[in-house]
């Protein structure tokens, strides 16, 4: 079994505005960079191979947390929010009303116009998971972590998540040779002591 530690990228200006970022290459904000100065990848994960999404906010987060060699992989890119990128969910609910709420209620199969569903993200992740050969870290995005957690917990993504995620922490999973995932430990502190 392979261990996989997932870490969400640091904060961006769009995070502060609660905008859906998706595939837009929004960089870390100065606030995000300052916050990352008090975090690191714990020493027990030093031997893990380090991957990152190809978006700059994830790559820079990986560099700031580790200073090690980073391998980018397109499988780790954020969910494509299509026509909703740059929008705020509360405003979409108000503007689109029942159409948005019905789409959202589809859980794994919720799909923004011109975008990707969480189920599609899961399909994109499966080959990458099957190809892992060593314990690894992936600095990625909330949508990717939620999709992988849905696989691990067999969660249909309706209702509350099976665990309350701290998005400034690491989340450890175990991956089988077949690419099946199970949770090991959620909310591992990355704060420097």
C-alpha atoms as a PDB file:
ATOM      1  CA  UNK A   1       0.000   0.000   0.000  1.00  0.00           C
ATOM      2  CA  UNK A   2       1.097   3.539  -0.834  1.00  0.00           C
ATOM      3  CA  UNK A   3       0.542   6.425   1.546  1.00  0.00           C
ATOM      4  CA  UNK A   4      -0.652   9.693  -0.004  1.00  0.00           C
ATOM      5  CA  UNK A   5      -0.657  12.984   1.897  1.00  0.00           C
ATOM      6  CA  UNK A   6      -2.897  15.647   0.345  1.00  0.00           C
ATOM      7  CA  UNK A   7      -2.347  19.341   1.078  1.00  0.00           C
ATOM      8  CA  UNK A   8      -4.419  22.231  -0.210  1.00  0.00           C
ATOM      9  CA  UNK A   9      -2.604  25.231  -1.701  1.00  0.00           C
ATOM     10  CA  UNK A  10      -2.258  28.476   0.262  1.00  0.00           C
ATOM     11  CA  UNK A  11      -4.691  31.383   0.072  1.00  0.00           C
ATOM     12  CA  UNK A  12      -5.230  33.580  -2.976  1.00  0.00           C
ATOM     13  CA  UNK A  13      -7.052  36.883  -3.407  1.00  0.00           C
ATOM     14  CA  UNK A  14      -9.905  34.944  -5.010  1.00  0.00           C
ATOM     15  CA  UNK A  15     -10.155  32.720  -1.910  1.00  0.00           C
ATOM     16  CA  UNK A  16     -10.576  35.870   0.183  1.00  0.00           C
ATOM     17  CA  UNK A  17     -13.381  37.007  -2.159  1.00  0.00           C
ATOM     18  CA  UNK A  18     -14.938  33.484  -2.115  1.00  0.00           C
ATOM     19  CA  UNK A  19     -14.680  33.220  -5.893  1.00  0.00           C
ATOM     20  CA  UNK A  20     -14.585  29.839  -7.638  1.00  0.00           C
ATOM     21  CA  UNK A  21     -11.073  29.608  -9.085  1.00  0.00           C
ATOM     22  CA  UNK A  22     -11.129  26.351 -10.996  1.00  0.00           C
ATOM     23  CA  UNK A  23      -8.524  26.263 -13.761  1.00  0.00           C
ATOM     24  CA  UNK A  24      -7.748  29.989 -13.590  1.00  0.00           C
ATOM     25  CA  UNK A  25      -4.110  30.354 -12.651  1.00  0.00           C
ATOM     26  CA  UNK A  26      -4.642  32.707  -9.721  1.00  0.00           C
ATOM     27  CA  UNK A  27      -1.372  33.141  -7.761  1.00  0.00           C
ATOM     28  CA  UNK A  28      -0.959  33.006  -4.009  1.00  0.00           C
ATOM     29  CA  UNK A  29      -1.729  36.285  -2.300  1.00  0.00           C
ATOM     30  CA  UNK A  30       0.804  38.044  -0.090  1.00  0.00           C
ATOM     31  CA  UNK A  31      -1.393  37.024   2.852  1.00  0.00           C
ATOM     32  CA  UNK A  32      -1.238  33.407   1.670  1.00  0.00           C
ATOM     33  CA  UNK A  33       2.551  33.508   1.355  1.00  0.00           C
ATOM     34  CA  UNK A  34       2.935  35.011   4.838  1.00  0.00           C
ATOM     35  CA  UNK A  35       0.641  32.360   6.323  1.00  0.00           C
ATOM     36  CA  UNK A  36       2.623  29.557   4.673  1.00  0.00           C
ATOM     37  CA  UNK A  37       5.778  30.785   6.447  1.00  0.00           C
ATOM     38  CA  UNK A  38       4.390  29.223   9.647  1.00  0.00           C
ATOM     39  CA  UNK A  39       3.742  25.833   7.998  1.00  0.00           C
ATOM     40  CA  UNK A  40       5.933  22.979   6.760  1.00  0.00           C
ATOM     41  CA  UNK A  41       5.710  19.362   5.710  1.00  0.00           C
ATOM     42  CA  UNK A  42       6.420  17.324   8.861  1.00  0.00           C
ATOM     43  CA  UNK A  43       9.720  15.408   8.922  1.00  0.00           C
ATOM     44  CA  UNK A  44       7.972  12.016   8.929  1.00  0.00           C
ATOM     45  CA  UNK A  45       7.048  12.683   5.277  1.00  0.00           C
ATOM     46  CA  UNK A  46      10.573  13.654   4.140  1.00  0.00           C
ATOM     47  CA  UNK A  47      10.987  10.536   2.000  1.00  0.00           C
ATOM     48  CA  UNK A  48       7.694  11.016   0.171  1.00  0.00           C
ATOM     49  CA  UNK A  49       7.769  12.044  -3.503  1.00  0.00           C
ATOM     50  CA  UNK A  50       6.344  15.559  -3.885  1.00  0.00           C
ATOM     51  CA  UNK A  51       3.718  16.289  -6.540  1.00  0.00           C
ATOM     52  CA  UNK A  52       1.808  19.473  -7.255  1.00  0.00           C
ATOM     53  CA  UNK A  53      -0.957  20.643  -9.505  1.00  0.00           C
ATOM     54  CA  UNK A  54       0.471  22.589 -12.464  1.00  0.00           C
ATOM     55  CA  UNK A  55      -1.343  25.754 -11.314  1.00  0.00           C
ATOM     56  CA  UNK A  56       1.061  28.280  -9.790  1.00  0.00           C
ATOM     57  CA  UNK A  57      -0.751  28.530  -6.451  1.00  0.00           C
ATOM     58  CA  UNK A  58      -0.129  24.814  -5.807  1.00  0.00           C
ATOM     59  CA  UNK A  59       3.437  24.753  -7.150  1.00  0.00           C
ATOM     60  CA  UNK A  60       4.439  27.779  -5.074  1.00  0.00           C
ATOM     61  CA  UNK A  61       2.812  26.292  -1.977  1.00  0.00           C
ATOM     62  CA  UNK A  62       4.819  23.076  -2.460  1.00  0.00           C
ATOM     63  CA  UNK A  63       8.044  25.092  -2.794  1.00  0.00           C
ATOM     64  CA  UNK A  64       7.305  27.211   0.271  1.00  0.00           C
ATOM     65  CA  UNK A  65       6.441  24.151   2.375  1.00  0.00           C
ATOM     66  CA  UNK A  66       9.381  22.002   1.380  1.00  0.00           C
ATOM     67  CA  UNK A  67      12.092  23.479  -0.830  1.00  0.00           C
ATOM     68  CA  UNK A  68      12.348  20.032  -2.473  1.00  0.00           C
ATOM     69  CA  UNK A  69      12.064  18.841  -6.064  1.00  0.00           C
ATOM     70  CA  UNK A  70       8.451  18.989  -7.252  1.00  0.00           C
ATOM     71  CA  UNK A  71       6.780  16.903  -9.945  1.00  0.00           C
ATOM     72  CA  UNK A  72       3.708  18.510 -11.493  1.00  0.00           C
ATOM     73  CA  UNK A  73       0.892  16.383 -12.808  1.00  0.00           C
ATOM     74  CA  UNK A  74      -2.200  17.532 -14.745  1.00  0.00           C
ATOM     75  CA  UNK A  75      -4.346  14.969 -12.906  1.00  0.00           C
ATOM     76  CA  UNK A  76      -4.009  17.171  -9.808  1.00  0.00           C
ATOM     77  CA  UNK A  77      -5.383  20.356 -11.413  1.00  0.00           C
ATOM     78  CA  UNK A  78      -8.490  21.882  -9.842  1.00  0.00           C
ATOM     79  CA  UNK A  79     -11.988  20.979 -10.963  1.00  0.00           C
ATOM     80  CA  UNK A  80     -13.040  22.933 -14.049  1.00  0.00           C
ATOM     81  CA  UNK A  81     -15.854  25.240 -12.933  1.00  0.00           C
ATOM     82  CA  UNK A  82     -16.675  26.226 -16.518  1.00  0.00           C
ATOM     83  CA  UNK A  83     -19.058  29.188 -16.742  1.00  0.00           C
ATOM     84  CA  UNK A  84     -19.030  29.540 -12.959  1.00  0.00           C
ATOM     85  CA  UNK A  85     -15.295  30.310 -12.645  1.00  0.00           C
ATOM     86  CA  UNK A  86     -14.802  33.717 -11.063  1.00  0.00           C
ATOM     87  CA  UNK A  87     -18.291  33.634  -9.550  1.00  0.00           C
ATOM     88  CA  UNK A  88     -19.333  33.464  -5.888  1.00  0.00           C
ATOM     89  CA  UNK A  89     -21.513  30.479  -4.902  1.00  0.00           C
ATOM     90  CA  UNK A  90     -23.932  32.597  -2.811  1.00  0.00           C
ATOM     91  CA  UNK A  91     -24.457  34.905  -5.786  1.00  0.00           C
ATOM     92  CA  UNK A  92     -24.988  31.941  -8.139  1.00  0.00           C
ATOM     93  CA  UNK A  93     -27.627  30.557  -5.772  1.00  0.00           C
ATOM     94  CA  UNK A  94     -29.389  33.929  -5.713  1.00  0.00           C
ATOM     95  CA  UNK A  95     -29.158  34.464  -9.480  1.00  0.00           C
ATOM     96  CA  UNK A  96     -29.844  30.946 -10.767  1.00  0.00           C
ATOM     97  CA  UNK A  97     -32.172  29.893  -7.952  1.00  0.00           C
ATOM     98  CA  UNK A  98     -33.734  26.443  -8.273  1.00  0.00           C
ATOM     99  CA  UNK A  99     -31.579  25.483 -11.285  1.00  0.00           C
ATOM    100  CA  UNK A 100     -28.394  25.944  -9.267  1.00  0.00           C
ATOM    101  CA  UNK A 101     -29.784  24.221  -6.175  1.00  0.00           C
ATOM    102  CA  UNK A 102     -31.007  21.219  -8.219  1.00  0.00           C
ATOM    103  CA  UNK A 103     -27.596  20.923  -9.908  1.00  0.00           C
ATOM    104  CA  UNK A 104     -25.814  21.212  -6.559  1.00  0.00           C
ATOM    105  CA  UNK A 105     -28.060  18.481  -5.080  1.00  0.00           C
ATOM    106  CA  UNK A 106     -26.684  16.010  -7.643  1.00  0.00           C
ATOM    107  CA  UNK A 107     -23.571  15.622  -5.448  1.00  0.00           C
ATOM    108  CA  UNK A 108     -20.846  13.796  -7.390  1.00  0.00           C
ATOM    109  CA  UNK A 109     -22.700  14.524 -10.617  1.00  0.00           C
ATOM    110  CA  UNK A 110     -23.139  18.270 -10.089  1.00  0.00           C
ATOM    111  CA  UNK A 111     -21.694  19.898 -13.202  1.00  0.00           C
ATOM    112  CA  UNK A 112     -21.331  23.591 -13.988  1.00  0.00           C
ATOM    113  CA  UNK A 113     -22.154  24.579 -17.584  1.00  0.00           C
ATOM    114  CA  UNK A 114     -19.013  24.016 -19.654  1.00  0.00           C
ATOM    115  CA  UNK A 115     -17.245  22.503 -16.642  1.00  0.00           C
ATOM    116  CA  UNK A 116     -16.414  19.281 -14.874  1.00  0.00           C
ATOM    117  CA  UNK A 117     -18.343  17.265 -12.271  1.00  0.00           C
ATOM    118  CA  UNK A 118     -16.686  15.825  -9.158  1.00  0.00           C
ATOM    119  CA  UNK A 119     -17.295  12.374 -10.712  1.00  0.00           C
ATOM    120  CA  UNK A 120     -15.189  13.489 -13.691  1.00  0.00           C
ATOM    121  CA  UNK A 121     -12.446  14.612 -11.300  1.00  0.00           C
ATOM    122  CA  UNK A 122     -12.548  11.149  -9.697  1.00  0.00           C
ATOM    123  CA  UNK A 123     -12.235   9.523 -13.126  1.00  0.00           C
ATOM    124  CA  UNK A 124      -9.241  11.756 -13.863  1.00  0.00           C
ATOM    125  CA  UNK A 125      -7.594  10.815 -10.546  1.00  0.00           C
ATOM    126  CA  UNK A 126      -8.019   7.039 -10.817  1.00  0.00           C
ATOM    127  CA  UNK A 127      -5.201   6.372 -13.366  1.00  0.00           C
ATOM    128  CA  UNK A 128      -2.857   8.669 -11.422  1.00  0.00           C
ATOM    129  CA  UNK A 129      -3.643   6.785  -8.203  1.00  0.00           C
ATOM    130  CA  UNK A 130      -3.039   3.401  -9.884  1.00  0.00           C
ATOM    131  CA  UNK A 131       0.330   4.653 -11.192  1.00  0.00           C
ATOM    132  CA  UNK A 132       1.675   5.735  -7.777  1.00  0.00           C
ATOM    133  CA  UNK A 133       4.675   3.584  -6.881  1.00  0.00           C
ATOM    134  CA  UNK A 134       5.980   5.295  -3.767  1.00  0.00           C
ATOM    135  CA  UNK A 135       4.654   7.181  -0.753  1.00  0.00           C
ATOM    136  CA  UNK A 136       3.720  10.618  -2.057  1.00  0.00           C
ATOM    137  CA  UNK A 137       2.537  14.105  -1.191  1.00  0.00           C
ATOM    138  CA  UNK A 138       0.230  16.037  -3.515  1.00  0.00           C
ATOM    139  CA  UNK A 139      -0.230  19.781  -3.124  1.00  0.00           C
ATOM    140  CA  UNK A 140      -3.501  20.351  -4.882  1.00  0.00           C
ATOM    141  CA  UNK A 141      -6.944  21.951  -4.597  1.00  0.00           C
ATOM    142  CA  UNK A 142     -10.061  21.678  -2.468  1.00  0.00           C
ATOM    143  CA  UNK A 143     -12.090  20.142  -5.308  1.00  0.00           C
ATOM    144  CA  UNK A 144      -9.479  17.432  -5.864  1.00  0.00           C
ATOM    145  CA  UNK A 145      -9.197  16.641  -2.149  1.00  0.00           C
ATOM    146  CA  UNK A 146     -12.993  16.467  -1.824  1.00  0.00           C
ATOM    147  CA  UNK A 147     -13.190  14.134  -4.853  1.00  0.00           C
ATOM    148  CA  UNK A 148     -10.530  11.832  -3.419  1.00  0.00           C
ATOM    149  CA  UNK A 149     -12.244  11.892  -0.018  1.00  0.00           C
ATOM    150  CA  UNK A 150     -15.511  10.946  -1.731  1.00  0.00           C
ATOM    151  CA  UNK A 151     -13.745   7.885  -3.144  1.00  0.00           C
ATOM    152  CA  UNK A 152     -12.127   7.013   0.187  1.00  0.00           C
ATOM    153  CA  UNK A 153     -15.250   7.413   2.307  1.00  0.00           C
ATOM    154  CA  UNK A 154     -17.702   6.223  -0.366  1.00  0.00           C
ATOM    155  CA  UNK A 155     -19.435   9.597   0.005  1.00  0.00           C
ATOM    156  CA  UNK A 156     -21.937  10.633  -2.662  1.00  0.00           C
ATOM    157  CA  UNK A 157     -21.140  14.323  -1.983  1.00  0.00           C
ATOM    158  CA  UNK A 158     -24.667  15.142  -0.885  1.00  0.00           C
ATOM    159  CA  UNK A 159     -25.095  16.435   2.609  1.00  0.00           C
ATOM    160  CA  UNK A 160     -22.206  17.073   4.956  1.00  0.00           C
ATOM    161  CA  UNK A 161     -18.787  15.535   4.274  1.00  0.00           C
ATOM    162  CA  UNK A 162     -17.935  12.460   6.377  1.00  0.00           C
ATOM    163  CA  UNK A 163     -15.264  14.477   8.183  1.00  0.00           C
ATOM    164  CA  UNK A 164     -14.765  18.169   8.845  1.00  0.00           C
ATOM    165  CA  UNK A 165     -11.685  19.142   6.842  1.00  0.00           C
ATOM    166  CA  UNK A 166      -9.183  21.684   8.105  1.00  0.00           C
ATOM    167  CA  UNK A 167      -7.980  23.167   4.806  1.00  0.00           C
ATOM    168  CA  UNK A 168      -4.653  24.271   6.329  1.00  0.00           C
ATOM    169  CA  UNK A 169      -3.835  20.688   7.374  1.00  0.00           C
ATOM    170  CA  UNK A 170      -2.700  17.539   5.575  1.00  0.00           C
ATOM    171  CA  UNK A 171      -4.933  14.547   4.891  1.00  0.00           C
ATOM    172  CA  UNK A 172      -3.389  11.080   4.723  1.00  0.00           C
ATOM    173  CA  UNK A 173      -4.833   8.264   2.610  1.00  0.00           C
ATOM    174  CA  UNK A 174      -3.740   4.774   1.669  1.00  0.00           C
ATOM    175  CA  UNK A 175      -3.794   3.768  -2.005  1.00  0.00           C
ATOM    176  CA  UNK A 176      -3.871   0.160  -3.204  1.00  0.00           C
ATOM    177  CA  UNK A 177      -2.205  -1.111  -6.395  1.00  0.00           C
ATOM    178  CA  UNK A 178      -5.666  -1.071  -7.992  1.00  0.00           C
ATOM    179  CA  UNK A 179      -6.020   2.628  -7.122  1.00  0.00           C
ATOM    180  CA  UNK A 180      -8.559   2.116  -4.343  1.00  0.00           C
ATOM    181  CA  UNK A 181      -8.308   4.708  -1.583  1.00  0.00           C
ATOM    182  CA  UNK A 182      -9.038   4.574   2.116  1.00  0.00           C
ATOM    183  CA  UNK A 183      -8.611   7.241   4.793  1.00  0.00           C
ATOM    184  CA  UNK A 184      -5.787   6.936   7.315  1.00  0.00           C
ATOM    185  CA  UNK A 185      -5.644  10.275   9.144  1.00  0.00           C
ATOM    186  CA  UNK A 186      -7.331  13.575   8.420  1.00  0.00           C
ATOM    187  CA  UNK A 187      -6.326  17.049   9.614  1.00  0.00           C
ATOM    188  CA  UNK A 188      -2.630  16.458  10.247  1.00  0.00           C
ATOM    189  CA  UNK A 189      -1.121  19.687  11.523  1.00  0.00           C
ATOM    190  CA  UNK A 190       1.413  21.372   9.242  1.00  0.00           C
ATOM    191  CA  UNK A 191       2.155  24.172  11.723  1.00  0.00           C
ATOM    192  CA  UNK A 192       5.754  24.670  12.753  1.00  0.00           C
ATOM    193  CA  UNK A 193       6.303  24.002  16.448  1.00  0.00           C
END
